[in-house]
Amino acid sequence: VLMKGGKPAGEEIKAAVYEKCSADKVRPFTDHVQM
């Protein structure tokens, strides 16, 4: 994840993205999502 201004995402944003993309309704059952 890249933020506006060219800065890589910090821990808070990465945690939120991980939670969003790890949801059962988002990822396939066999995917292991990492940031």
PDB file of all heavy atoms in Angstrom:
ATOM      1  N   VAL A   1       0.839  -1.200   0.000  1.00  0.00           N
ATOM      2  CA  VAL A   1       0.000   0.000   0.000  1.00  0.00           C
ATOM      3  C   VAL A   1       0.874   1.251   0.000  1.00  0.00           C
ATOM      4  O   VAL A   1       1.804   1.371   0.801  1.00  0.00           O
ATOM      5  CB  VAL A   1      -0.939   0.018   1.225  1.00  0.00           C
ATOM      6  CG1 VAL A   1      -1.785   1.288   1.227  1.00  0.00           C
ATOM      7  CG2 VAL A   1      -1.838  -1.218   1.227  1.00  0.00           C
ATOM      8  N   LEU A   2       0.544   2.176  -0.905  1.00  0.00           N
ATOM      9  CA  LEU A   2       1.244   3.459  -0.997  1.00  0.00           C
ATOM     10  C   LEU A   2       0.253   4.567  -0.689  1.00  0.00           C
ATOM     11  O   LEU A   2      -0.841   4.612  -1.240  1.00  0.00           O
ATOM     12  CB  LEU A   2       1.828   3.644  -2.397  1.00  0.00           C
ATOM     13  CG  LEU A   2       2.615   4.935  -2.645  1.00  0.00           C
ATOM     14  CD1 LEU A   2       3.937   4.909  -1.886  1.00  0.00           C
ATOM     15  CD2 LEU A   2       2.879   5.118  -4.143  1.00  0.00           C
ATOM     16  N   MET A   3       0.639   5.488   0.192  1.00  0.00           N
ATOM     17  CA  MET A   3      -0.219   6.608   0.558  1.00  0.00           C
ATOM     18  C   MET A   3       0.054   7.799  -0.357  1.00  0.00           C
ATOM     19  O   MET A   3       1.078   7.868  -1.037  1.00  0.00           O
ATOM     20  CB  MET A   3       0.022   7.007   2.018  1.00  0.00           C
ATOM     21  CG  MET A   3      -0.086   5.856   3.007  1.00  0.00           C
ATOM     22  SD  MET A   3      -1.683   5.021   2.971  1.00  0.00           S
ATOM     23  CE  MET A   3      -2.736   6.307   3.654  1.00  0.00           C
ATOM     24  N   LYS A   4      -0.871   8.746  -0.370  1.00  0.00           N
ATOM     25  CA  LYS A   4      -0.656   9.984  -1.115  1.00  0.00           C
ATOM     26  C   LYS A   4       0.563  10.699  -0.546  1.00  0.00           C
ATOM     27  O   LYS A   4       0.766  10.727   0.661  1.00  0.00           O
ATOM     28  CB  LYS A   4      -1.888  10.876  -1.034  1.00  0.00           C
ATOM     29  CG  LYS A   4      -3.093  10.315  -1.789  1.00  0.00           C
ATOM     30  CD  LYS A   4      -4.301  11.226  -1.672  1.00  0.00           C
ATOM     31  CE  LYS A   4      -5.475  10.668  -2.449  1.00  0.00           C
ATOM     32  NZ  LYS A   4      -6.696  11.493  -2.326  1.00  0.00           N
ATOM     33  N   GLY A   5       1.360  11.266  -1.426  1.00  0.00           N
ATOM     34  CA  GLY A   5       2.605  11.869  -0.994  1.00  0.00           C
ATOM     35  C   GLY A   5       3.785  10.931  -1.137  1.00  0.00           C
ATOM     36  O   GLY A   5       4.917  11.300  -0.833  1.00  0.00           O
ATOM     37  N   GLY A   6       3.524   9.694  -1.603  1.00  0.00           N
ATOM     38  CA  GLY A   6       4.608   8.747  -1.852  1.00  0.00           C
ATOM     39  C   GLY A   6       5.124   8.029  -0.631  1.00  0.00           C
ATOM     40  O   GLY A   6       6.210   7.438  -0.668  1.00  0.00           O
ATOM     41  N   LYS A   7       4.380   8.045   0.462  1.00  0.00           N
ATOM     42  CA  LYS A   7       4.828   7.416   1.696  1.00  0.00           C
ATOM     43  C   LYS A   7       4.202   6.030   1.832  1.00  0.00           C
ATOM     44  O   LYS A   7       2.983   5.881   1.682  1.00  0.00           O
ATOM     45  CB  LYS A   7       4.429   8.285   2.889  1.00  0.00           C
ATOM     46  CG  LYS A   7       4.896   7.773   4.233  1.00  0.00           C
ATOM     47  CD  LYS A   7       4.453   8.737   5.336  1.00  0.00           C
ATOM     48  CE  LYS A   7       4.878   8.250   6.719  1.00  0.00           C
ATOM     49  NZ  LYS A   7       4.424   9.161   7.783  1.00  0.00           N
ATOM     50  N   PRO A   8       5.012   4.983   2.107  1.00  0.00           N
ATOM     51  CA  PRO A   8       4.422   3.665   2.355  1.00  0.00           C
ATOM     52  C   PRO A   8       3.477   3.705   3.551  1.00  0.00           C
ATOM     53  O   PRO A   8       3.651   4.502   4.476  1.00  0.00           O
ATOM     54  CB  PRO A   8       5.642   2.776   2.636  1.00  0.00           C
ATOM     55  CG  PRO A   8       6.788   3.473   1.971  1.00  0.00           C
ATOM     56  CD  PRO A   8       6.480   4.943   2.110  1.00  0.00           C
ATOM     57  N   ALA A   9       2.465   2.870   3.528  1.00  0.00           N
ATOM     58  CA  ALA A   9       1.478   2.848   4.603  1.00  0.00           C
ATOM     59  C   ALA A   9       2.132   2.509   5.935  1.00  0.00           C
ATOM     60  O   ALA A   9       3.046   1.687   6.009  1.00  0.00           O
ATOM     61  CB  ALA A   9       0.385   1.837   4.287  1.00  0.00           C
ATOM     62  N   GLY A  10       1.646   3.157   7.008  1.00  0.00           N
ATOM     63  CA  GLY A  10       2.125   2.862   8.354  1.00  0.00           C
ATOM     64  C   GLY A  10       1.388   1.681   8.954  1.00  0.00           C
ATOM     65  O   GLY A  10       0.536   1.049   8.327  1.00  0.00           O
ATOM     66  N   GLU A  11       1.706   1.389  10.203  1.00  0.00           N
ATOM     67  CA  GLU A  11       1.161   0.200  10.859  1.00  0.00           C
ATOM     68  C   GLU A  11      -0.355   0.257  10.998  1.00  0.00           C
ATOM     69  O   GLU A  11      -1.039  -0.768  10.858  1.00  0.00           O
ATOM     70  CB  GLU A  11       1.813   0.020  12.234  1.00  0.00           C
ATOM     71  CG  GLU A  11       3.317  -0.264  12.174  1.00  0.00           C
ATOM     72  CD  GLU A  11       3.636  -1.477  11.324  1.00  0.00           C
ATOM     73  OE1 GLU A  11       2.919  -2.491  11.446  1.00  0.00           O
ATOM     74  OE2 GLU A  11       4.592  -1.403  10.520  1.00  0.00           O
ATOM     75  N   GLU A  12      -0.914   1.433  11.282  1.00  0.00           N
ATOM     76  CA  GLU A  12      -2.360   1.531  11.475  1.00  0.00           C
ATOM     77  C   GLU A  12      -3.115   1.235  10.181  1.00  0.00           C
ATOM     78  O   GLU A  12      -4.100   0.491  10.170  1.00  0.00           O
ATOM     79  CB  GLU A  12      -2.733   2.922  11.997  1.00  0.00           C
ATOM     80  CG  GLU A  12      -2.079   3.302  13.317  1.00  0.00           C
ATOM     81  CD  GLU A  12      -2.623   2.502  14.488  1.00  0.00           C
ATOM     82  OE1 GLU A  12      -3.767   2.018  14.401  1.00  0.00           O
ATOM     83  OE2 GLU A  12      -1.886   2.356  15.485  1.00  0.00           O
ATOM     84  N   ILE A  13      -2.666   1.815   9.077  1.00  0.00           N
ATOM     85  CA  ILE A  13      -3.310   1.572   7.790  1.00  0.00           C
ATOM     86  C   ILE A  13      -3.117   0.124   7.364  1.00  0.00           C
ATOM     87  O   ILE A  13      -4.055  -0.527   6.863  1.00  0.00           O
ATOM     88  CB  ILE A  13      -2.752   2.530   6.717  1.00  0.00           C
ATOM     89  CG1 ILE A  13      -3.246   3.954   6.968  1.00  0.00           C
ATOM     90  CG2 ILE A  13      -3.159   2.070   5.317  1.00  0.00           C
ATOM     91  CD1 ILE A  13      -4.729   4.156   6.731  1.00  0.00           C
ATOM     92  N   LYS A  14      -1.917  -0.403   7.541  1.00  0.00           N
ATOM     93  CA  LYS A  14      -1.679  -1.792   7.144  1.00  0.00           C
ATOM     94  C   LYS A  14      -2.564  -2.754   7.925  1.00  0.00           C
ATOM     95  O   LYS A  14      -3.086  -3.734   7.372  1.00  0.00           O
ATOM     96  CB  LYS A  14      -0.205  -2.154   7.328  1.00  0.00           C
ATOM     97  CG  LYS A  14       0.719  -1.523   6.295  1.00  0.00           C
ATOM     98  CD  LYS A  14       2.085  -2.168   6.260  1.00  0.00           C
ATOM     99  CE  LYS A  14       2.855  -1.946   7.540  1.00  0.00           C
ATOM    100  NZ  LYS A  14       4.219  -2.499   7.463  1.00  0.00           N
ATOM    101  N   ALA A  15      -2.763  -2.467   9.212  1.00  0.00           N
ATOM    102  CA  ALA A  15      -3.634  -3.320  10.023  1.00  0.00           C
ATOM    103  C   ALA A  15      -5.073  -3.259   9.517  1.00  0.00           C
ATOM    104  O   ALA A  15      -5.771  -4.281   9.453  1.00  0.00           O
ATOM    105  CB  ALA A  15      -3.562  -2.894  11.486  1.00  0.00           C
ATOM    106  N   ALA A  16      -5.518  -2.062   9.124  1.00  0.00           N
ATOM    107  CA  ALA A  16      -6.885  -1.905   8.624  1.00  0.00           C
ATOM    108  C   ALA A  16      -7.062  -2.600   7.276  1.00  0.00           C
ATOM    109  O   ALA A  16      -8.092  -3.235   7.023  1.00  0.00           O
ATOM    110  CB  ALA A  16      -7.233  -0.421   8.513  1.00  0.00           C
ATOM    111  N   VAL A  17      -6.060  -2.490   6.406  1.00  0.00           N
ATOM    112  CA  VAL A  17      -6.125  -3.160   5.106  1.00  0.00           C
ATOM    113  C   VAL A  17      -6.110  -4.676   5.287  1.00  0.00           C
ATOM    114  O   VAL A  17      -6.860  -5.406   4.624  1.00  0.00           O
ATOM    115  CB  VAL A  17      -4.958  -2.705   4.200  1.00  0.00           C
ATOM    116  CG1 VAL A  17      -4.881  -3.565   2.944  1.00  0.00           C
ATOM    117  CG2 VAL A  17      -5.117  -1.240   3.822  1.00  0.00           C
ATOM    118  N   TYR A  18      -5.266  -5.143   6.191  1.00  0.00           N
ATOM    119  CA  TYR A  18      -5.202  -6.585   6.453  1.00  0.00           C
ATOM    120  C   TYR A  18      -6.556  -7.106   6.938  1.00  0.00           C
ATOM    121  O   TYR A  18      -7.038  -8.145   6.470  1.00  0.00           O
ATOM    122  CB  TYR A  18      -4.126  -6.878   7.498  1.00  0.00           C
ATOM    123  CG  TYR A  18      -4.093  -8.329   7.931  1.00  0.00           C
ATOM    124  CD1 TYR A  18      -3.462  -9.289   7.140  1.00  0.00           C
ATOM    125  CD2 TYR A  18      -4.705  -8.740   9.108  1.00  0.00           C
ATOM    126  CE1 TYR A  18      -3.444 -10.619   7.522  1.00  0.00           C
ATOM    127  CE2 TYR A  18      -4.701 -10.074   9.494  1.00  0.00           C
ATOM    128  CZ  TYR A  18      -4.065 -11.007   8.695  1.00  0.00           C
ATOM    129  OH  TYR A  18      -4.066 -12.331   9.064  1.00  0.00           O
ATOM    130  N   GLU A  19      -7.171  -6.377   7.856  1.00  0.00           N
ATOM    131  CA  GLU A  19      -8.475  -6.803   8.373  1.00  0.00           C
ATOM    132  C   GLU A  19      -9.524  -6.823   7.265  1.00  0.00           C
ATOM    133  O   GLU A  19     -10.342  -7.745   7.181  1.00  0.00           O
ATOM    134  CB  GLU A  19      -8.913  -5.864   9.496  1.00  0.00           C
ATOM    135  CG  GLU A  19     -10.247  -6.241  10.133  1.00  0.00           C
ATOM    136  CD  GLU A  19     -10.643  -5.317  11.266  1.00  0.00           C
ATOM    137  OE1 GLU A  19      -9.890  -4.354  11.535  1.00  0.00           O
ATOM    138  OE2 GLU A  19     -11.696  -5.553  11.878  1.00  0.00           O
ATOM    139  N   LYS A  20      -9.483  -5.803   6.397  1.00  0.00           N
ATOM    140  CA  LYS A  20     -10.456  -5.709   5.314  1.00  0.00           C
ATOM    141  C   LYS A  20     -10.276  -6.838   4.301  1.00  0.00           C
ATOM    142  O   LYS A  20     -11.253  -7.468   3.869  1.00  0.00           O
ATOM    143  CB  LYS A  20     -10.311  -4.363   4.614  1.00  0.00           C
ATOM    144  CG  LYS A  20     -11.371  -4.069   3.570  1.00  0.00           C
ATOM    145  CD  LYS A  20     -12.679  -3.725   4.212  1.00  0.00           C
ATOM    146  CE  LYS A  20     -13.711  -3.299   3.191  1.00  0.00           C
ATOM    147  NZ  LYS A  20     -15.018  -2.992   3.792  1.00  0.00           N
ATOM    148  N   CYS A  21      -9.036  -7.107   3.920  1.00  0.00           N
ATOM    149  CA  CYS A  21      -8.772  -8.076   2.851  1.00  0.00           C
ATOM    150  C   CYS A  21      -8.703  -9.511   3.352  1.00  0.00           C
ATOM    151  O   CYS A  21      -8.644 -10.439   2.541  1.00  0.00           O
ATOM    152  CB  CYS A  21      -7.474  -7.715   2.127  1.00  0.00           C
ATOM    153  SG  CYS A  21      -7.564  -6.167   1.203  1.00  0.00           S
ATOM    154  N   SER A  22      -8.694  -9.717   4.662  1.00  0.00           N
ATOM    155  CA  SER A  22      -8.661 -11.068   5.220  1.00  0.00           C
ATOM    156  C   SER A  22     -10.046 -11.595   5.535  1.00  0.00           C
ATOM    157  O   SER A  22     -10.201 -12.750   5.940  1.00  0.00           O
ATOM    158  CB  SER A  22      -7.811 -11.099   6.500  1.00  0.00           C
ATOM    159  OG  SER A  22      -6.474 -10.784   6.216  1.00  0.00           O
ATOM    160  N   ALA A  23     -11.063 -10.758   5.370  1.00  0.00           N
ATOM    161  CA  ALA A  23     -12.430 -11.180   5.678  1.00  0.00           C
ATOM    162  C   ALA A  23     -12.827 -12.374   4.813  1.00  0.00           C
ATOM    163  O   ALA A  23     -12.435 -12.481   3.645  1.00  0.00           O
ATOM    164  CB  ALA A  23     -13.395 -10.027   5.473  1.00  0.00           C
ATOM    165  N   ASP A  24     -13.608 -13.285   5.372  1.00  0.00           N
ATOM    166  CA  ASP A  24     -13.998 -14.499   4.665  1.00  0.00           C
ATOM    167  C   ASP A  24     -14.766 -14.216   3.384  1.00  0.00           C
ATOM    168  O   ASP A  24     -14.718 -14.999   2.431  1.00  0.00           O
ATOM    169  CB  ASP A  24     -14.846 -15.395   5.583  1.00  0.00           C
ATOM    170  CG  ASP A  24     -14.028 -15.983   6.727  1.00  0.00           C
ATOM    171  OD1 ASP A  24     -12.788 -16.021   6.593  1.00  0.00           O
ATOM    172  OD2 ASP A  24     -14.627 -16.391   7.738  1.00  0.00           O
ATOM    173  N   LYS A  25     -15.489 -13.077   3.344  1.00  0.00           N
ATOM    174  CA  LYS A  25     -16.261 -12.747   2.157  1.00  0.00           C
ATOM    175  C   LYS A  25     -15.421 -12.074   1.084  1.00  0.00           C
ATOM    176  O   LYS A  25     -15.919 -11.776   0.000  1.00  0.00           O
ATOM    177  CB  LYS A  25     -17.436 -11.842   2.529  1.00  0.00           C
ATOM    178  CG  LYS A  25     -18.489 -12.523   3.395  1.00  0.00           C
ATOM    179  CD  LYS A  25     -19.654 -11.592   3.667  1.00  0.00           C
ATOM    180  CE  LYS A  25     -20.731 -12.280   4.499  1.00  0.00           C
ATOM    181  NZ  LYS A  25     -21.886 -11.389   4.769  1.00  0.00           N
ATOM    182  N   VAL A  26     -14.154 -11.817   1.384  1.00  0.00           N
ATOM    183  CA  VAL A  26     -13.275 -11.134   0.442  1.00  0.00           C
ATOM    184  C   VAL A  26     -12.256 -12.086  -0.173  1.00  0.00           C
ATOM    185  O   VAL A  26     -12.109 -12.171  -1.391  1.00  0.00           O
ATOM    186  CB  VAL A  26     -12.546  -9.960   1.128  1.00  0.00           C
ATOM    187  CG1 VAL A  26     -11.510  -9.345   0.198  1.00  0.00           C
ATOM    188  CG2 VAL A  26     -13.554  -8.909   1.572  1.00  0.00           C
ATOM    189  N   ARG A  27     -11.550 -12.805   0.662  1.00  0.00           N
ATOM    190  CA  ARG A  27     -10.465 -13.666   0.167  1.00  0.00           C
ATOM    191  C   ARG A  27     -10.964 -15.088  -0.075  1.00  0.00           C
ATOM    192  O   ARG A  27     -11.870 -15.571   0.606  1.00  0.00           O
ATOM    193  CB  ARG A  27      -9.316 -13.705   1.177  1.00  0.00           C
ATOM    194  CG  ARG A  27      -9.682 -14.368   2.495  1.00  0.00           C
ATOM    195  CD  ARG A  27      -8.477 -14.567   3.383  1.00  0.00           C
ATOM    196  NE  ARG A  27      -8.865 -15.188   4.643  1.00  0.00           N
ATOM    197  CZ  ARG A  27      -8.988 -16.506   4.824  1.00  0.00           C
ATOM    198  NH1 ARG A  27      -8.753 -17.326   3.810  1.00  0.00           N
ATOM    199  NH2 ARG A  27      -9.356 -16.990   5.988  1.00  0.00           N
ATOM    200  N   PRO A  28     -10.374 -15.772  -1.051  1.00  0.00           N
ATOM    201  CA  PRO A  28     -10.644 -17.194  -1.202  1.00  0.00           C
ATOM    202  C   PRO A  28     -10.182 -17.953   0.042  1.00  0.00           C
ATOM    203  O   PRO A  28      -9.255 -17.526   0.735  1.00  0.00           O
ATOM    204  CB  PRO A  28      -9.819 -17.589  -2.431  1.00  0.00           C
ATOM    205  CG  PRO A  28      -9.621 -16.317  -3.172  1.00  0.00           C
ATOM    206  CD  PRO A  28      -9.537 -15.250  -2.124  1.00  0.00           C
ATOM    207  N   PHE A  29     -10.806 -19.083   0.305  1.00  0.00           N
ATOM    208  CA  PHE A  29     -10.531 -19.844   1.529  1.00  0.00           C
ATOM    209  C   PHE A  29      -9.062 -20.242   1.642  1.00  0.00           C
ATOM    210  O   PHE A  29      -8.512 -20.310   2.733  1.00  0.00           O
ATOM    211  CB  PHE A  29     -11.415 -21.096   1.550  1.00  0.00           C
ATOM    212  CG  PHE A  29     -11.283 -21.907   2.803  1.00  0.00           C
ATOM    213  CD1 PHE A  29     -11.804 -21.451   4.005  1.00  0.00           C
ATOM    214  CD2 PHE A  29     -10.630 -23.133   2.782  1.00  0.00           C
ATOM    215  CE1 PHE A  29     -11.678 -22.197   5.165  1.00  0.00           C
ATOM    216  CE2 PHE A  29     -10.491 -23.884   3.929  1.00  0.00           C
ATOM    217  CZ  PHE A  29     -11.024 -23.418   5.128  1.00  0.00           C
ATOM    218  N   THR A  30      -8.411 -20.463   0.508  1.00  0.00           N
ATOM    219  CA  THR A  30      -7.034 -20.966   0.523  1.00  0.00           C
ATOM    220  C   THR A  30      -5.987 -19.862   0.541  1.00  0.00           C
ATOM    221  O   THR A  30      -4.796 -20.147   0.627  1.00  0.00           O
ATOM    222  CB  THR A  30      -6.787 -21.864  -0.696  1.00  0.00           C
ATOM    223  OG1 THR A  30      -7.119 -21.131  -1.891  1.00  0.00           O
ATOM    224  CG2 THR A  30      -7.640 -23.125  -0.624  1.00  0.00           C
ATOM    225  N   ASP A  31      -6.400 -18.595   0.443  1.00  0.00           N
ATOM    226  CA  ASP A  31      -5.426 -17.497   0.420  1.00  0.00           C
ATOM    227  C   ASP A  31      -4.982 -17.130   1.830  1.00  0.00           C
ATOM    228  O   ASP A  31      -5.799 -16.991   2.744  1.00  0.00           O
ATOM    229  CB  ASP A  31      -6.027 -16.262  -0.252  1.00  0.00           C
ATOM    230  CG  ASP A  31      -5.922 -16.322  -1.759  1.00  0.00           C
ATOM    231  OD1 ASP A  31      -5.407 -17.334  -2.276  1.00  0.00           O
ATOM    232  OD2 ASP A  31      -6.365 -15.367  -2.428  1.00  0.00           O
ATOM    233  N   HIS A  32      -3.683 -16.917   1.978  1.00  0.00           N
ATOM    234  CA  HIS A  32      -3.104 -16.412   3.228  1.00  0.00           C
ATOM    235  C   HIS A  32      -2.619 -14.993   2.960  1.00  0.00           C
ATOM    236  O   HIS A  32      -1.613 -14.782   2.275  1.00  0.00           O
ATOM    237  CB  HIS A  32      -1.950 -17.311   3.680  1.00  0.00           C
ATOM    238  CG  HIS A  32      -1.253 -16.806   4.903  1.00  0.00           C
ATOM    239  ND1 HIS A  32       0.106 -16.920   5.099  1.00  0.00           N
ATOM    240  CD2 HIS A  32      -1.737 -16.161   6.005  1.00  0.00           C
ATOM    241  CE1 HIS A  32       0.434 -16.375   6.262  1.00  0.00           C
ATOM    242  NE2 HIS A  32      -0.661 -15.906   6.819  1.00  0.00           N
ATOM    243  N   VAL A  33      -3.345 -14.009   3.463  1.00  0.00           N
ATOM    244  CA  VAL A  33      -3.055 -12.603   3.174  1.00  0.00           C
ATOM    245  C   VAL A  33      -2.005 -12.063   4.137  1.00  0.00           C
ATOM    246  O   VAL A  33      -2.099 -12.271   5.351  1.00  0.00           O
ATOM    247  CB  VAL A  33      -4.338 -11.751   3.255  1.00  0.00           C
ATOM    248  CG1 VAL A  33      -4.023 -10.277   3.038  1.00  0.00           C
ATOM    249  CG2 VAL A  33      -5.362 -12.233   2.228  1.00  0.00           C
ATOM    250  N   GLN A  34      -1.019 -11.370   3.591  1.00  0.00           N
ATOM    251  CA  GLN A  34       0.010 -10.722   4.391  1.00  0.00           C
ATOM    252  C   GLN A  34       0.247  -9.311   3.842  1.00  0.00           C
ATOM    253  O   GLN A  34      -0.001  -9.042   2.664  1.00  0.00           O
ATOM    254  CB  GLN A  34       1.318 -11.513   4.349  1.00  0.00           C
ATOM    255  CG  GLN A  34       1.195 -12.952   4.827  1.00  0.00           C
ATOM    256  CD  GLN A  34       2.501 -13.691   4.748  1.00  0.00           C
ATOM    257  OE1 GLN A  34       3.457 -13.377   5.452  1.00  0.00           O
ATOM    258  NE2 GLN A  34       2.559 -14.686   3.877  1.00  0.00           N
ATOM    259  N   MET A  35       0.723  -8.433   4.699  1.00  0.00           N
ATOM    260  CA  MET A  35       1.048  -7.074   4.294  1.00  0.00           C
ATOM    261  C   MET A  35       2.543  -6.940   4.067  1.00  0.00           C
ATOM    262  O   MET A  35       3.349  -7.511   4.810  1.00  0.00           O
ATOM    263  CB  MET A  35       0.598  -6.070   5.357  1.00  0.00           C
ATOM    264  CG  MET A  35      -0.893  -6.082   5.654  1.00  0.00           C
ATOM    265  SD  MET A  35      -1.917  -5.737   4.210  1.00  0.00           S
ATOM    266  CE  MET A  35      -1.342  -4.088   3.766  1.00  0.00           C
TER     267      MET A  35
END
